[in-house]
Amino acid sequence: MTPKQKKCKACKQLFQPFNSMAKACGIECALVLARAKRAKREASAEKAEKAEARKAKKEFMENDTKRLKALAQKTFNAFIRDRDKDEGCISCDKSRTWTGGLWHAGHYLTTAAKPQLRFNELNVHKQCSQCNLFLSGNVARYKARLWNKIGTAAVEALENDNTKARYRAEDYRQIIQNYKQKLKKLKNGA
């Protein structure tokens, strides 16, 4: 029994296939189909390659942003510790000559609660490691001393700050540059 007529996938003409798997009426049409199939495969591979490149770039940017965020925080914290070097702990007023641990740059309002205040100089002050790490910032005493240091109006302004902050890589680069300059000025006594 011979297979019934089919429509050629390339030229759309009816033809008598030599077997049930035939899709083209002849060699020329079979070559056209093969080229089209190869072009489709190449386009698909190129699309997948571009998607992979976009994914790699996004991953790099995220990692770059994370790295820049950490560097910005480190630079900012160094500035805070140097700015407050002649003061005691903001929470417990531990002496500036205390040698029981490291000095930190402690946030009054945490970066989790108020990320927009992460790099706000009024929100961050020198703090002993004991208060910052083991007493979760010793916030009640921090607030009382902060009122004396910057005033109640400034503390209330910090607490009521509900602006949204979304830092990008270029924001972190600017923060790093600014606080390196400020730290240099502090160290030079300017």
C-alpha atoms as a PDB file:
ATOM      1  CA  MET A   1       0.000   0.000   0.000  1.00  0.00           C
ATOM      2  CA  THR A   2       1.403   3.384  -0.958  1.00  0.00           C
ATOM      3  CA  PRO A   3       1.153   6.348   1.409  1.00  0.00           C
ATOM      4  CA  LYS A   4      -1.421   8.972   0.482  1.00  0.00           C
ATOM      5  CA  GLN A   5      -0.425  12.359  -0.846  1.00  0.00           C
ATOM      6  CA  LYS A   6       1.015  15.006   1.494  1.00  0.00           C
ATOM      7  CA  LYS A   7       1.672  18.723   1.317  1.00  0.00           C
ATOM      8  CA  CYS A   8       5.382  19.595   1.063  1.00  0.00           C
ATOM      9  CA  LYS A   9       6.505  21.585   4.134  1.00  0.00           C
ATOM     10  CA  ALA A  10       8.757  23.785   1.966  1.00  0.00           C
ATOM     11  CA  CYS A  11       6.863  24.561  -1.249  1.00  0.00           C
ATOM     12  CA  LYS A  12       3.335  23.620  -0.054  1.00  0.00           C
ATOM     13  CA  GLN A  13       2.668  21.477  -3.176  1.00  0.00           C
ATOM     14  CA  LEU A  14       1.028  18.059  -2.975  1.00  0.00           C
ATOM     15  CA  PHE A  15       3.396  15.145  -3.556  1.00  0.00           C
ATOM     16  CA  GLN A  16       3.469  11.377  -3.317  1.00  0.00           C
ATOM     17  CA  PRO A  17       5.834  10.547  -0.395  1.00  0.00           C
ATOM     18  CA  PHE A  18       8.200   7.598  -0.787  1.00  0.00           C
ATOM     19  CA  ASN A  19       7.598   6.748   2.919  1.00  0.00           C
ATOM     20  CA  SER A  20       5.376   7.984   5.759  1.00  0.00           C
ATOM     21  CA  MET A  21       8.205  10.104   7.264  1.00  0.00           C
ATOM     22  CA  ALA A  22       8.840  12.243   4.163  1.00  0.00           C
ATOM     23  CA  LYS A  23       8.194  15.975   4.632  1.00  0.00           C
ATOM     24  CA  ALA A  24       9.528  17.371   1.344  1.00  0.00           C
ATOM     25  CA  CYS A  25       8.686  16.672  -2.264  1.00  0.00           C
ATOM     26  CA  GLY A  26      12.294  16.575  -3.414  1.00  0.00           C
ATOM     27  CA  ILE A  27      15.946  17.260  -2.649  1.00  0.00           C
ATOM     28  CA  GLU A  28      15.700  21.036  -3.122  1.00  0.00           C
ATOM     29  CA  CYS A  29      12.770  21.293  -0.689  1.00  0.00           C
ATOM     30  CA  ALA A  30      14.502  18.924   1.752  1.00  0.00           C
ATOM     31  CA  LEU A  31      17.569  21.239   1.707  1.00  0.00           C
ATOM     32  CA  VAL A  32      15.334  24.275   2.321  1.00  0.00           C
ATOM     33  CA  LEU A  33      13.768  22.492   5.325  1.00  0.00           C
ATOM     34  CA  ALA A  34      17.169  21.415   6.662  1.00  0.00           C
ATOM     35  CA  ARG A  35      18.527  24.980   6.390  1.00  0.00           C
ATOM     36  CA  ALA A  36      15.437  26.381   8.100  1.00  0.00           C
ATOM     37  CA  LYS A  37      15.751  23.802  10.881  1.00  0.00           C
ATOM     38  CA  ARG A  38      19.444  24.642  11.350  1.00  0.00           C
ATOM     39  CA  ALA A  39      18.711  28.403  11.389  1.00  0.00           C
ATOM     40  CA  LYS A  40      15.996  27.831  13.996  1.00  0.00           C
ATOM     41  CA  ARG A  41      18.399  25.749  16.125  1.00  0.00           C
ATOM     42  CA  GLU A  42      21.098  28.438  15.845  1.00  0.00           C
ATOM     43  CA  ALA A  43      18.617  31.192  16.749  1.00  0.00           C
ATOM     44  CA  SER A  44      17.490  29.172  19.744  1.00  0.00           C
ATOM     45  CA  ALA A  45      21.093  28.608  20.829  1.00  0.00           C
ATOM     46  CA  GLU A  46      21.854  32.326  20.392  1.00  0.00           C
ATOM     47  CA  LYS A  47      18.771  33.228  22.432  1.00  0.00           C
ATOM     48  CA  ALA A  48      19.849  30.816  25.183  1.00  0.00           C
ATOM     49  CA  GLU A  49      23.378  32.255  25.075  1.00  0.00           C
ATOM     50  CA  LYS A  50      22.045  35.810  25.445  1.00  0.00           C
ATOM     51  CA  ALA A  51      19.815  34.735  28.337  1.00  0.00           C
ATOM     52  CA  GLU A  52      22.814  33.104  30.025  1.00  0.00           C
ATOM     53  CA  ALA A  53      24.870  36.267  29.489  1.00  0.00           C
ATOM     54  CA  ARG A  54      22.079  38.404  31.007  1.00  0.00           C
ATOM     55  CA  LYS A  55      21.873  36.031  33.964  1.00  0.00           C
ATOM     56  CA  ALA A  56      25.661  36.147  34.465  1.00  0.00           C
ATOM     57  CA  LYS A  57      25.664  39.965  34.255  1.00  0.00           C
ATOM     58  CA  LYS A  58      22.813  40.201  36.768  1.00  0.00           C
ATOM     59  CA  GLU A  59      24.622  37.816  39.112  1.00  0.00           C
ATOM     60  CA  PHE A  60      27.843  39.810  38.740  1.00  0.00           C
ATOM     61  CA  MET A  61      26.023  43.081  39.410  1.00  0.00           C
ATOM     62  CA  GLU A  62      24.339  41.612  42.499  1.00  0.00           C
ATOM     63  CA  ASN A  63      27.655  40.310  43.791  1.00  0.00           C
ATOM     64  CA  ASP A  64      29.322  43.613  42.899  1.00  0.00           C
ATOM     65  CA  THR A  65      26.561  45.507  44.694  1.00  0.00           C
ATOM     66  CA  LYS A  66      26.908  43.270  47.762  1.00  0.00           C
ATOM     67  CA  ARG A  67      30.665  43.803  47.762  1.00  0.00           C
ATOM     68  CA  LEU A  68      30.256  47.561  47.369  1.00  0.00           C
ATOM     69  CA  LYS A  69      27.638  47.647  50.142  1.00  0.00           C
ATOM     70  CA  ALA A  70      30.024  45.881  52.518  1.00  0.00           C
ATOM     71  CA  LEU A  71      32.881  48.223  51.546  1.00  0.00           C
ATOM     72  CA  ALA A  72      30.655  51.290  51.945  1.00  0.00           C
ATOM     73  CA  GLN A  73      29.596  50.094  55.401  1.00  0.00           C
ATOM     74  CA  LYS A  74      33.204  49.413  56.375  1.00  0.00           C
ATOM     75  CA  THR A  75      34.333  52.869  55.212  1.00  0.00           C
ATOM     76  CA  PHE A  76      31.400  54.601  56.919  1.00  0.00           C
ATOM     77  CA  ASN A  77      31.990  52.693  60.174  1.00  0.00           C
ATOM     78  CA  ALA A  78      35.696  53.620  60.140  1.00  0.00           C
ATOM     79  CA  PHE A  79      34.701  57.268  59.793  1.00  0.00           C
ATOM     80  CA  ILE A  80      32.241  57.013  62.721  1.00  0.00           C
ATOM     81  CA  ARG A  81      34.809  55.355  64.997  1.00  0.00           C
ATOM     82  CA  ASP A  82      37.395  58.012  64.140  1.00  0.00           C
ATOM     83  CA  ARG A  83      34.886  60.862  64.466  1.00  0.00           C
ATOM     84  CA  ASP A  84      33.952  59.669  67.984  1.00  0.00           C
ATOM     85  CA  LYS A  85      37.455  58.516  69.023  1.00  0.00           C
ATOM     86  CA  ASP A  86      37.614  60.926  71.968  1.00  0.00           C
ATOM     87  CA  GLU A  87      34.213  59.866  73.308  1.00  0.00           C
ATOM     88  CA  GLY A  88      33.111  56.855  75.322  1.00  0.00           C
ATOM     89  CA  CYS A  89      30.475  54.301  74.335  1.00  0.00           C
ATOM     90  CA  ILE A  90      27.212  56.017  73.355  1.00  0.00           C
ATOM     91  CA  SER A  91      25.221  53.476  75.407  1.00  0.00           C
ATOM     92  CA  CYS A  92      27.210  52.796  78.578  1.00  0.00           C
ATOM     93  CA  ASP A  93      29.744  55.639  78.426  1.00  0.00           C
ATOM     94  CA  LYS A  94      32.554  53.110  78.802  1.00  0.00           C
ATOM     95  CA  SER A  95      35.821  54.985  78.780  1.00  0.00           C
ATOM     96  CA  ARG A  96      37.511  55.708  75.480  1.00  0.00           C
ATOM     97  CA  THR A  97      40.574  53.952  76.883  1.00  0.00           C
ATOM     98  CA  TRP A  98      38.610  50.711  77.416  1.00  0.00           C
ATOM     99  CA  THR A  99      40.598  47.723  76.175  1.00  0.00           C
ATOM    100  CA  GLY A 100      38.027  44.971  76.765  1.00  0.00           C
ATOM    101  CA  GLY A 101      37.101  44.618  73.111  1.00  0.00           C
ATOM    102  CA  LEU A 102      36.642  46.421  69.846  1.00  0.00           C
ATOM    103  CA  TRP A 103      34.842  49.643  69.204  1.00  0.00           C
ATOM    104  CA  HIS A 104      31.918  49.442  66.813  1.00  0.00           C
ATOM    105  CA  ALA A 105      29.848  51.931  64.884  1.00  0.00           C
ATOM    106  CA  GLY A 106      26.506  51.190  66.525  1.00  0.00           C
ATOM    107  CA  HIS A 107      23.229  52.138  64.850  1.00  0.00           C
ATOM    108  CA  TYR A 108      20.533  53.614  67.099  1.00  0.00           C
ATOM    109  CA  LEU A 109      17.822  52.491  64.670  1.00  0.00           C
ATOM    110  CA  THR A 110      18.921  49.238  63.075  1.00  0.00           C
ATOM    111  CA  THR A 111      19.575  48.822  59.387  1.00  0.00           C
ATOM    112  CA  ALA A 112      16.896  46.121  59.314  1.00  0.00           C
ATOM    113  CA  ALA A 113      14.262  48.459  60.772  1.00  0.00           C
ATOM    114  CA  LYS A 114      15.341  51.637  58.975  1.00  0.00           C
ATOM    115  CA  PRO A 115      17.645  50.829  56.023  1.00  0.00           C
ATOM    116  CA  GLN A 116      17.416  54.453  54.872  1.00  0.00           C
ATOM    117  CA  LEU A 117      19.395  55.437  58.000  1.00  0.00           C
ATOM    118  CA  ARG A 118      22.247  53.001  57.374  1.00  0.00           C
ATOM    119  CA  PHE A 119      24.616  55.833  56.423  1.00  0.00           C
ATOM    120  CA  ASN A 120      23.066  58.622  58.512  1.00  0.00           C
ATOM    121  CA  GLU A 121      25.738  60.116  60.768  1.00  0.00           C
ATOM    122  CA  LEU A 122      23.199  61.132  63.419  1.00  0.00           C
ATOM    123  CA  ASN A 123      21.968  57.528  63.689  1.00  0.00           C
ATOM    124  CA  VAL A 124      25.409  55.944  64.137  1.00  0.00           C
ATOM    125  CA  HIS A 125      27.850  56.461  66.990  1.00  0.00           C
ATOM    126  CA  LYS A 126      30.845  54.802  68.612  1.00  0.00           C
ATOM    127  CA  GLN A 127      29.736  51.878  70.726  1.00  0.00           C
ATOM    128  CA  CYS A 128      31.543  49.177  72.678  1.00  0.00           C
ATOM    129  CA  SER A 129      31.286  45.636  71.366  1.00  0.00           C
ATOM    130  CA  GLN A 130      29.574  44.500  74.567  1.00  0.00           C
ATOM    131  CA  CYS A 131      26.663  46.933  74.149  1.00  0.00           C
ATOM    132  CA  ASN A 132      26.424  46.477  70.395  1.00  0.00           C
ATOM    133  CA  LEU A 133      26.676  42.694  70.219  1.00  0.00           C
ATOM    134  CA  PHE A 134      25.674  41.271  73.582  1.00  0.00           C
ATOM    135  CA  LEU A 135      23.089  43.852  74.651  1.00  0.00           C
ATOM    136  CA  SER A 136      21.542  44.302  71.171  1.00  0.00           C
ATOM    137  CA  GLY A 137      22.660  47.912  71.034  1.00  0.00           C
ATOM    138  CA  ASN A 138      21.624  48.718  74.636  1.00  0.00           C
ATOM    139  CA  VAL A 139      18.956  50.862  72.971  1.00  0.00           C
ATOM    140  CA  ALA A 140      17.279  52.390  76.054  1.00  0.00           C
ATOM    141  CA  ARG A 141      20.557  53.841  77.319  1.00  0.00           C
ATOM    142  CA  TYR A 142      21.635  54.672  73.742  1.00  0.00           C
ATOM    143  CA  LYS A 143      18.483  56.782  73.282  1.00  0.00           C
ATOM    144  CA  ALA A 144      18.942  58.648  76.578  1.00  0.00           C
ATOM    145  CA  ARG A 145      22.524  59.564  75.717  1.00  0.00           C
ATOM    146  CA  LEU A 146      21.592  60.331  72.109  1.00  0.00           C
ATOM    147  CA  TRP A 147      19.050  62.910  73.322  1.00  0.00           C
ATOM    148  CA  ASN A 148      21.875  64.664  75.165  1.00  0.00           C
ATOM    149  CA  LYS A 149      24.248  64.418  72.218  1.00  0.00           C
ATOM    150  CA  ILE A 150      22.086  65.492  69.253  1.00  0.00           C
ATOM    151  CA  GLY A 151      18.863  66.740  70.904  1.00  0.00           C
ATOM    152  CA  THR A 152      15.352  65.358  71.166  1.00  0.00           C
ATOM    153  CA  ALA A 153      14.189  66.971  67.919  1.00  0.00           C
ATOM    154  CA  ALA A 154      16.931  65.199  65.946  1.00  0.00           C
ATOM    155  CA  VAL A 155      16.155  61.862  67.652  1.00  0.00           C
ATOM    156  CA  GLU A 156      12.452  62.266  66.854  1.00  0.00           C
ATOM    157  CA  ALA A 157      13.323  63.145  63.250  1.00  0.00           C
ATOM    158  CA  LEU A 158      15.327  59.908  62.996  1.00  0.00           C
ATOM    159  CA  GLU A 159      12.481  57.884  64.493  1.00  0.00           C
ATOM    160  CA  ASN A 160       9.922  59.459  62.143  1.00  0.00           C
ATOM    161  CA  ASP A 161      12.037  59.113  59.000  1.00  0.00           C
ATOM    162  CA  ASN A 162      10.026  56.833  56.729  1.00  0.00           C
ATOM    163  CA  THR A 163      11.680  57.651  53.437  1.00  0.00           C
ATOM    164  CA  LYS A 164      12.412  54.738  51.169  1.00  0.00           C
ATOM    165  CA  ALA A 165      16.016  53.937  50.384  1.00  0.00           C
ATOM    166  CA  ARG A 166      17.208  51.683  47.624  1.00  0.00           C
ATOM    167  CA  TYR A 167      20.928  51.838  47.149  1.00  0.00           C
ATOM    168  CA  ARG A 168      22.483  50.946  43.803  1.00  0.00           C
ATOM    169  CA  ALA A 169      26.100  50.164  43.037  1.00  0.00           C
ATOM    170  CA  GLU A 170      26.820  53.767  42.001  1.00  0.00           C
ATOM    171  CA  ASP A 171      25.286  55.000  45.307  1.00  0.00           C
ATOM    172  CA  TYR A 172      27.659  52.760  47.249  1.00  0.00           C
ATOM    173  CA  ARG A 173      30.615  53.986  45.184  1.00  0.00           C
ATOM    174  CA  GLN A 174      29.687  57.585  46.018  1.00  0.00           C
ATOM    175  CA  ILE A 175      29.322  56.755  49.724  1.00  0.00           C
ATOM    176  CA  ILE A 176      32.724  55.050  49.734  1.00  0.00           C
ATOM    177  CA  GLN A 177      34.356  58.027  48.050  1.00  0.00           C
ATOM    178  CA  ASN A 178      32.660  60.569  50.371  1.00  0.00           C
ATOM    179  CA  TYR A 179      33.587  58.783  53.581  1.00  0.00           C
ATOM    180  CA  LYS A 180      37.152  58.102  52.490  1.00  0.00           C
ATOM    181  CA  GLN A 181      37.538  61.841  51.971  1.00  0.00           C
ATOM    182  CA  LYS A 182      35.881  62.671  55.317  1.00  0.00           C
ATOM    183  CA  LEU A 183      38.055  60.126  57.121  1.00  0.00           C
ATOM    184  CA  LYS A 184      41.177  61.558  55.498  1.00  0.00           C
ATOM    185  CA  LYS A 185      40.183  65.069  56.622  1.00  0.00           C
ATOM    186  CA  LEU A 186      39.607  63.807  60.181  1.00  0.00           C
ATOM    187  CA  LYS A 187      42.975  62.059  60.305  1.00  0.00           C
ATOM    188  CA  ASN A 188      44.720  65.154  58.932  1.00  0.00           C
ATOM    189  CA  GLY A 189      42.998  67.331  61.515  1.00  0.00           C
ATOM    190  CA  ALA A 190      41.243  69.479  58.954  1.00  0.00           C
END
